[in-house]
Amino acid sequence: MVKQLNEPIAELAYITKSFKSKKAVNNISFTIEKGSITAILGPNGAGKSTTISIMLGLLEPSEGNVSLFGRSPKDRKVKEKIGAMLQDVSVMDGLKAREILNLIRGYYPEPMDIPKLQKLSGLTDEELNKHATKMSGGQKRKLSFALALAGNPELLFFDEPTVGLDTAARRLFWRTVRELANQGKTILFTTHYLQEADDMADRIILIHNGSIAADGKPEEIKTKLTKRSVSFIAEAGLQHIKDQLNNIPGAAKVFEEHGRIHVIAENTDQVLAAIIREGLTVRDISVDQGSLDEAFDQLTKREEEAV
């Protein structure tokens, strides 16, 4: 199914949430479109989980308005269209995983069937027949994922979803998320694993000190906040090569590290053109964009310096 974008699913307008004298969320506004995968990133205490809780109707904003599907998050029709996987996994005592899933499925008008939930979450028959309290941390995370999907929701919230998952389970989780988005479902998640956000998100919202510090596609944020670089191995004339590259307009820095020459530049095409034009004896050329980790570090550092 082709994604249908540009249809607003969630809208936050000037949301502020205060706890006593501290503003956990400060004047945040954004819109989430149908079929998109959006990551909300930020350091501990930035306001990520508070924002998610407000969108779920678990917390009331001190100021501003939030709507899902054009209604209040507390509206029953909204609750029938959303699913959530939060950081803390709590399970019901005395029930098997299958029994818990069937119980939750019973609250929704058109729930997802058990075989499909198994396929999407990776839960095995053996795991479904386990008492939930006897499950390992990773198994409980898979059960939590299945519970989020139980009602066949249109909008999914994942708060640090892959904590406690092994590599195979993490890979399955993100493959499933992409499949769900391709079906037109809308995904909003938080994570401390910035590489996951870089790989999976169509859009990243960076929150720092309760405010939105950056909002855009991963590539846009990296391009705006980090420098591109060219690196290579010099076969001969090391100092000559360094001198030539230092004279290129826009070359911010030339340095050697672990046997490779690195050139940080605004325009890497100019660096490549100079290498070819000057006939420099180099090999194993690589062009790299700064990582999301670097962009995030740079952004938070700027914010702290501004404060």
Protein backbone atom coordinates (compact mmCIF):
# COMPACT_ATOMS: atom_id res chain seq x y z
CA MET A 1 0.00 0.00 0.00
CA VAL A 2 1.29 3.45 -0.89
CA LYS A 3 1.78 5.84 2.02
CA GLN A 4 -0.68 8.70 2.25
CA LEU A 5 1.26 11.60 3.67
CA ASN A 6 0.27 15.19 4.42
CA GLU A 7 -2.80 14.07 6.39
CA PRO A 8 -2.34 15.32 9.96
CA ILE A 9 -2.74 12.60 12.59
CA ALA A 10 -1.41 14.44 15.65
CA GLU A 11 -1.15 18.16 16.32
CA LEU A 12 0.53 19.92 19.24
CA ALA A 13 0.07 23.68 19.56
CA TYR A 14 2.17 25.67 22.04
CA ILE A 15 2.33 22.87 24.60
CA THR A 16 3.92 23.69 27.97
CA LYS A 17 4.08 21.35 30.96
CA SER A 18 5.31 22.58 34.32
CA PHE A 19 6.08 20.59 37.44
CA LYS A 20 6.17 23.16 40.25
CA SER A 21 8.73 25.75 39.08
CA LYS A 22 10.34 23.58 36.37
CA LYS A 23 9.12 23.56 32.76
CA ALA A 24 9.57 20.00 31.49
CA VAL A 25 8.10 21.01 28.12
CA ASN A 26 8.26 24.61 26.96
CA ASN A 27 6.04 25.93 24.15
CA ILE A 28 6.33 22.94 21.80
CA SER A 29 4.41 22.83 18.51
CA PHE A 30 4.52 20.22 15.75
CA THR A 31 2.29 18.14 13.47
CA ILE A 32 2.67 14.42 12.71
CA GLU A 33 1.55 13.20 9.28
CA LYS A 34 -0.09 9.89 8.37
CA GLY A 35 2.28 7.05 7.45
CA SER A 36 5.39 8.83 8.76
CA ILE A 37 8.07 7.57 11.16
CA THR A 38 9.13 10.35 13.53
CA ALA A 39 11.85 10.13 16.18
CA ILE A 40 11.87 12.42 19.20
CA LEU A 41 15.43 12.68 20.50
CA GLY A 42 17.06 14.44 23.40
CA PRO A 43 19.20 13.89 26.50
CA ASN A 44 17.74 12.57 29.74
CA GLY A 45 15.31 15.10 31.18
CA ALA A 46 14.86 16.90 27.85
CA GLY A 47 11.07 16.42 27.87
CA LYS A 48 10.69 13.49 25.45
CA SER A 49 8.68 11.16 27.68
CA THR A 50 6.60 14.06 29.02
CA THR A 51 5.67 15.00 25.45
CA ILE A 52 4.66 11.40 24.68
CA SER A 53 2.61 11.21 27.90
CA ILE A 54 0.75 14.40 26.98
CA MET A 55 -0.02 13.02 23.52
CA LEU A 56 -1.34 9.83 25.10
CA GLY A 57 -3.57 11.78 27.46
CA LEU A 58 -1.69 10.49 30.51
CA LEU A 59 -0.67 14.05 31.45
CA GLU A 60 -2.56 17.31 31.05
CA PRO A 61 -0.55 20.17 29.52
CA SER A 62 -0.20 23.29 31.64
CA GLU A 63 -0.76 25.35 28.49
CA GLY A 64 -1.56 24.69 24.86
CA ASN A 65 -3.63 22.16 22.94
CA VAL A 66 -3.05 18.62 21.67
CA SER A 67 -5.30 16.63 19.34
CA LEU A 68 -5.10 13.17 17.79
CA PHE A 69 -7.30 12.47 14.76
CA GLY A 70 -8.86 15.89 15.44
CA ARG A 71 -10.01 14.89 18.93
CA SER A 72 -8.81 14.95 22.53
CA PRO A 73 -6.33 12.15 23.35
CA LYS A 74 -8.77 11.03 26.05
CA ASP A 75 -11.62 10.49 23.60
CA ARG A 76 -12.60 6.82 23.39
CA LYS A 77 -12.56 6.86 19.58
CA VAL A 78 -8.95 8.09 19.76
CA LYS A 79 -7.95 5.39 22.24
CA GLU A 80 -9.31 2.76 19.83
CA LYS A 81 -6.89 4.03 17.17
CA ILE A 82 -3.65 4.21 19.16
CA GLY A 83 -1.17 1.76 20.67
CA ALA A 84 1.74 2.43 23.00
CA MET A 85 4.89 0.66 24.13
CA LEU A 86 6.35 2.56 27.07
CA GLN A 87 9.70 2.18 28.85
CA ASP A 88 8.39 0.31 31.89
CA VAL A 89 6.98 -3.10 31.04
CA SER A 90 4.40 -4.20 33.60
CA VAL A 91 2.46 -7.45 33.23
CA MET A 92 -0.54 -8.98 34.98
CA ASP A 93 0.17 -11.58 37.63
CA GLY A 94 -1.19 -15.07 37.11
CA LEU A 95 -1.89 -14.77 33.39
CA LYS A 96 -0.05 -16.27 30.43
CA ALA A 97 1.14 -14.00 27.63
CA ARG A 98 -1.55 -15.34 25.28
CA GLU A 99 -4.26 -14.64 27.87
CA ILE A 100 -3.06 -11.07 28.36
CA LEU A 101 -3.03 -10.48 24.61
CA ASN A 102 -6.56 -11.83 24.21
CA LEU A 103 -7.75 -9.71 27.13
CA ILE A 104 -6.36 -6.50 25.59
CA ARG A 105 -7.60 -7.45 22.10
CA GLY A 106 -11.11 -7.65 23.58
CA TYR A 107 -11.14 -3.91 24.27
CA TYR A 108 -10.88 -3.00 20.56
CA PRO A 109 -13.52 -3.16 17.80
CA GLU A 110 -11.19 -4.66 15.15
CA PRO A 111 -8.20 -6.24 16.93
CA MET A 112 -5.22 -7.84 15.22
CA ASP A 113 -5.33 -11.65 15.26
CA ILE A 114 -2.84 -13.68 17.31
CA PRO A 115 -0.94 -15.25 14.36
CA LYS A 116 -0.27 -11.80 12.89
CA LEU A 117 0.78 -10.45 16.30
CA GLN A 118 3.22 -13.35 16.60
CA LYS A 119 4.66 -12.69 13.16
CA LEU A 120 5.13 -8.98 13.80
CA SER A 121 6.46 -9.21 17.36
CA GLY A 122 8.51 -12.41 17.08
CA LEU A 123 6.70 -14.09 19.99
CA THR A 124 6.88 -17.90 19.76
CA ASP A 125 4.16 -20.38 20.78
CA GLU A 126 6.32 -21.31 23.76
CA GLU A 127 6.58 -17.69 24.85
CA LEU A 128 2.84 -17.13 24.44
CA ASN A 129 2.19 -20.04 26.78
CA LYS A 130 4.52 -18.67 29.45
CA HIS A 131 3.25 -16.81 32.48
CA ALA A 132 4.19 -13.21 31.75
CA THR A 133 5.89 -12.80 35.14
CA LYS A 134 8.25 -15.66 34.20
CA MET A 135 9.36 -14.07 30.93
CA SER A 136 12.83 -12.60 30.47
CA GLY A 137 13.32 -8.87 29.95
CA GLY A 138 13.62 -9.31 26.18
CA GLN A 139 10.53 -11.53 26.04
CA LYS A 140 8.55 -8.94 28.01
CA ARG A 141 9.62 -6.27 25.50
CA LYS A 142 8.29 -8.44 22.67
CA LEU A 143 5.05 -8.94 24.59
CA SER A 144 4.82 -5.19 25.16
CA PHE A 145 5.25 -4.67 21.40
CA ALA A 146 2.49 -7.19 20.68
CA LEU A 147 0.21 -5.47 23.21
CA ALA A 148 0.81 -2.13 21.48
CA LEU A 149 -0.30 -3.73 18.21
CA ALA A 150 -3.20 -5.72 19.68
CA GLY A 151 -5.90 -3.22 18.74
CA ASN A 152 -4.60 -2.86 15.15
CA PRO A 153 -3.91 0.86 15.80
CA GLU A 154 -3.40 3.61 13.26
CA LEU A 155 -0.97 5.57 15.47
CA LEU A 156 1.80 3.90 17.48
CA PHE A 157 3.95 5.35 20.27
CA PHE A 158 7.23 3.66 21.20
CA ASP A 159 9.23 5.01 24.15
CA GLU A 160 12.77 3.52 24.11
CA PRO A 161 11.38 0.38 22.42
CA THR A 162 14.56 -1.65 21.87
CA VAL A 163 16.04 -1.48 25.37
CA GLY A 164 16.64 -5.06 26.49
CA LEU A 165 16.30 -6.59 23.02
CA ASP A 166 19.09 -8.65 21.51
CA THR A 167 20.42 -7.85 18.03
CA ALA A 168 18.08 -10.22 16.18
CA ALA A 169 14.99 -9.02 18.06
CA ARG A 170 15.99 -5.38 17.49
CA ARG A 171 16.41 -6.00 13.77
CA LEU A 172 12.97 -7.68 13.60
CA PHE A 173 11.40 -4.80 15.52
CA TRP A 174 12.61 -2.13 13.10
CA ARG A 175 11.78 -4.25 10.06
CA THR A 176 8.26 -4.54 11.43
CA VAL A 177 8.04 -0.80 12.11
CA ARG A 178 8.96 -0.04 8.51
CA GLU A 179 6.38 -2.56 7.30
CA LEU A 180 3.69 -0.97 9.49
CA ALA A 181 4.52 2.50 8.15
CA ASN A 182 4.32 1.19 4.58
CA GLN A 183 0.80 0.01 5.42
CA GLY A 184 -0.13 3.59 6.31
CA LYS A 185 0.30 3.39 10.08
CA THR A 186 1.97 6.33 11.80
CA ILE A 187 4.94 5.82 14.14
CA LEU A 188 6.32 8.12 16.82
CA PHE A 189 9.28 6.89 18.89
CA THR A 190 11.98 8.00 21.29
CA THR A 191 15.39 6.34 21.54
CA HIS A 192 18.84 6.81 23.03
CA TYR A 193 20.30 4.85 20.11
CA LEU A 194 20.85 7.68 17.66
CA GLN A 195 21.85 5.30 14.88
CA GLU A 196 18.35 3.77 15.05
CA ALA A 197 16.82 7.20 14.52
CA ASP A 198 19.22 7.91 11.66
CA ASP A 199 18.40 4.60 9.97
CA MET A 200 14.64 4.50 10.53
CA ALA A 201 13.12 7.95 10.96
CA ASP A 202 11.71 10.03 8.11
CA ARG A 203 11.88 12.98 10.47
CA ILE A 204 13.73 13.82 13.68
CA ILE A 205 12.58 16.27 16.35
CA LEU A 206 15.43 17.18 18.70
CA ILE A 207 14.32 18.38 22.11
CA HIS A 208 16.69 20.10 24.53
CA ASN A 209 15.75 21.74 27.81
CA GLY A 210 12.07 21.23 27.04
CA SER A 211 12.13 23.07 23.69
CA ILE A 212 12.48 21.98 20.07
CA ALA A 213 16.09 22.59 19.06
CA ALA A 214 15.89 21.11 15.54
CA ASP A 215 13.23 19.53 13.34
CA GLY A 216 13.78 17.91 9.95
CA LYS A 217 14.95 14.89 7.99
CA PRO A 218 18.05 13.16 9.40
CA GLU A 219 20.15 14.26 6.42
CA GLU A 220 18.99 17.86 6.77
CA ILE A 221 19.94 17.97 10.44
CA LYS A 222 23.35 16.39 9.80
CA THR A 223 24.04 18.71 6.88
CA LYS A 224 23.07 21.77 8.90
CA LEU A 225 24.98 20.89 12.06
CA THR A 226 28.01 18.88 10.89
CA LYS A 227 30.73 19.18 8.28
CA ARG A 228 31.34 16.76 5.43
CA SER A 229 34.80 15.27 5.01
CA VAL A 230 37.03 13.52 2.49
CA SER A 231 39.59 10.99 3.70
CA PHE A 232 42.18 8.90 1.88
CA ILE A 233 45.54 7.18 2.14
CA ALA A 234 48.48 9.15 0.71
CA GLU A 235 50.91 6.93 -1.21
CA ALA A 236 53.70 9.55 -1.43
CA GLY A 237 54.48 13.25 -0.92
CA LEU A 238 52.49 13.56 2.29
CA GLN A 239 53.48 17.14 3.10
CA HIS A 240 52.94 18.27 -0.52
CA ILE A 241 49.44 16.79 -0.45
CA LYS A 242 48.63 18.54 2.83
CA ASP A 243 49.90 21.87 1.45
CA GLN A 244 47.80 21.52 -1.71
CA LEU A 245 44.65 20.67 0.23
CA ASN A 246 45.12 23.50 2.74
CA ASN A 247 44.89 25.93 -0.19
CA ILE A 248 41.46 24.71 -1.31
CA PRO A 249 38.71 27.33 -0.65
CA GLY A 250 36.35 26.02 2.00
CA ALA A 251 38.76 23.45 3.45
CA ALA A 252 38.27 24.02 7.18
CA LYS A 253 40.79 21.51 8.48
CA VAL A 254 43.37 19.02 7.15
CA PHE A 255 44.77 16.40 9.53
CA GLU A 256 46.20 12.89 9.65
CA GLU A 257 44.65 10.14 11.80
CA HIS A 258 45.25 6.39 11.85
CA GLY A 259 47.20 6.52 8.60
CA ARG A 260 44.54 8.49 6.68
CA ILE A 261 44.43 12.14 5.64
CA HIS A 262 41.12 13.84 6.52
CA VAL A 263 39.88 17.06 4.94
CA ILE A 264 36.92 18.76 6.63
CA ALA A 265 35.19 20.99 4.07
CA GLU A 266 31.95 22.74 3.24
CA ASN A 267 32.19 21.45 -0.34
CA THR A 268 33.70 17.98 -0.68
CA ASP A 269 33.32 18.14 -4.47
CA GLN A 270 36.00 20.88 -4.52
CA VAL A 271 38.34 18.62 -2.55
CA LEU A 272 37.81 15.72 -4.95
CA ALA A 273 38.29 18.02 -7.94
CA ALA A 274 41.58 19.31 -6.48
CA ILE A 275 42.86 15.77 -5.90
CA ILE A 276 42.20 14.92 -9.55
CA ARG A 277 43.42 18.27 -10.92
CA GLU A 278 46.71 18.17 -9.03
CA GLY A 279 47.27 14.49 -9.77
CA LEU A 280 47.79 13.72 -6.08
CA THR A 281 48.97 10.18 -5.37
CA VAL A 282 46.19 8.95 -3.09
CA ARG A 283 44.00 5.85 -2.81
CA ASP A 284 40.99 4.51 -0.91
CA ILE A 285 39.07 7.81 -1.05
CA SER A 286 35.99 8.10 1.18
CA VAL A 287 33.44 10.91 1.46
CA ASP A 288 31.59 11.09 4.78
CA GLN A 289 28.83 13.15 6.35
CA GLY A 290 29.01 13.89 10.06
CA SER A 291 26.99 11.49 12.22
CA LEU A 292 23.76 12.23 14.03
CA ASP A 293 25.70 11.82 17.28
CA GLU A 294 27.97 14.68 16.22
CA ALA A 295 25.01 16.81 15.18
CA PHE A 296 23.30 16.19 18.50
CA ASP A 297 26.46 16.95 20.50
CA GLN A 298 27.02 20.12 18.49
CA LEU A 299 23.43 21.25 18.94
CA THR A 300 23.28 20.68 22.69
CA LYS A 301 26.67 22.35 23.10
CA ARG A 302 25.44 25.43 21.24
CA GLU A 303 22.28 25.53 23.37
CA GLU A 304 24.31 25.28 26.58
CA GLU A 305 26.69 28.01 25.43
CA ALA A 306 23.70 30.24 24.58
CA VAL A 307 22.30 29.73 28.07
